[in-house]
Amino acid sequence: MLKNLLCLLAALLLGASPALAAKRIALTFDDVPRARGAFFTPDDRTARLIGGLKKAKVRQAAFFVIPGNLLKPDGAGGERRTAAYVRAGHVIANHSFSHRHLSATPAAEYIADIDRADGWLRSQKGWRPWFRFPFLNEGRADKAKRDAVRAALNSRGLRNSYVTVDGADWNMEALTTKAVKESKAVNMRALRKLYVETMVGAAEYNDGLAQRTLGRSPAHVLLLHETDLAALFITDLVAGLRKAGWSIVSADEAYADPLSATMPDVPSAQGTLTEALAWEKGLPAPRWFDRVDTKIADPLFARRVLGQAVPEAN
């Protein structure tokens, strides 16, 4: 009791309540089910991800499913692997049927693609009424398209399952896969450190941006993908987040944050919700973590993971 009172007093003296000072983040994984990666079969990757999340004591992550991937030649077993995530206590949601860019797709076709995915997902255990825009593309500058899809989601009882933290893990996965295919020596210890450092750095950056925009730290949502790197390093990432003061929460808790009711109106709708809200408020660019820029991330990977003499980006 005395310890709690002292913590409360300290927080009041610093001008913030303990609840607002807490850093919370949910883990979400896009593009399920994915094909074989650089290191693992799809079955091995799923088993490693489930085991890693359990070891890290992450009770619920969210996996965003592309049902169209089940029909691809390499999609065999995808339904079984998706069900395995649910049996392990995690939840699944809609990432469209065929992973299209909204800015390059007529609104009616895009909405039909959402419906096609939803037709399969609603019958699955662990389903949540959430939709994540592929590529975080909400129509870019086409506000008519943006608003048409927003209205369609609302009429279907689907929530925009936004992202507040993005470290472009997909790019690091692609760089690793390319290096392995080209038989380049990959420093796995350096890769693990870079992966954890980048994702934790993205969380820290976006929380700072959110606090400048909102005046508080919301429940954040981290965008990851169902990759071999996630299977390798998820326990290290969770440990890194906790070391930086983060609590891992469920996606259910994150999407219960009042932030979920916001619909920012910005010149181009694509990216994290934190960026859009900061833009709407008038905060100057950059409003994104620098390593999502491949001009920065790629040379960093080449130097640290492949040991190449590559100049730093300007």
Foldseek 3Di string as FASTA:
>chain_A
DVVVVVVQVVQVVVPHGPVQPAAEEAEEAEEAPDQDALPDGSVVLLVLLLVLCVVLVQQEHEYEYQQLLCVDPRNPCRVVSVLVNVVSRYAYEHAFNPQDALLVDPLVVRLVRRVVRCVVQVVHPRYDQEYEYRQQAQNWQPVVSNVSVVVSSVVVVHFHLFAQFELPVVVLRVVVRVCSVVVFAWDVVLSLVVVLVSRLLRSVLSQVLCCVLPVGRANGYYYHHSGSSCSVHVSVNSVSNVVVRYDYDHSVVRCVTPLRPDDADASTRGDGPSLRSSVSVPNDDPRGDVNSDCLQVVQVCCCRTRVDPDDGRD
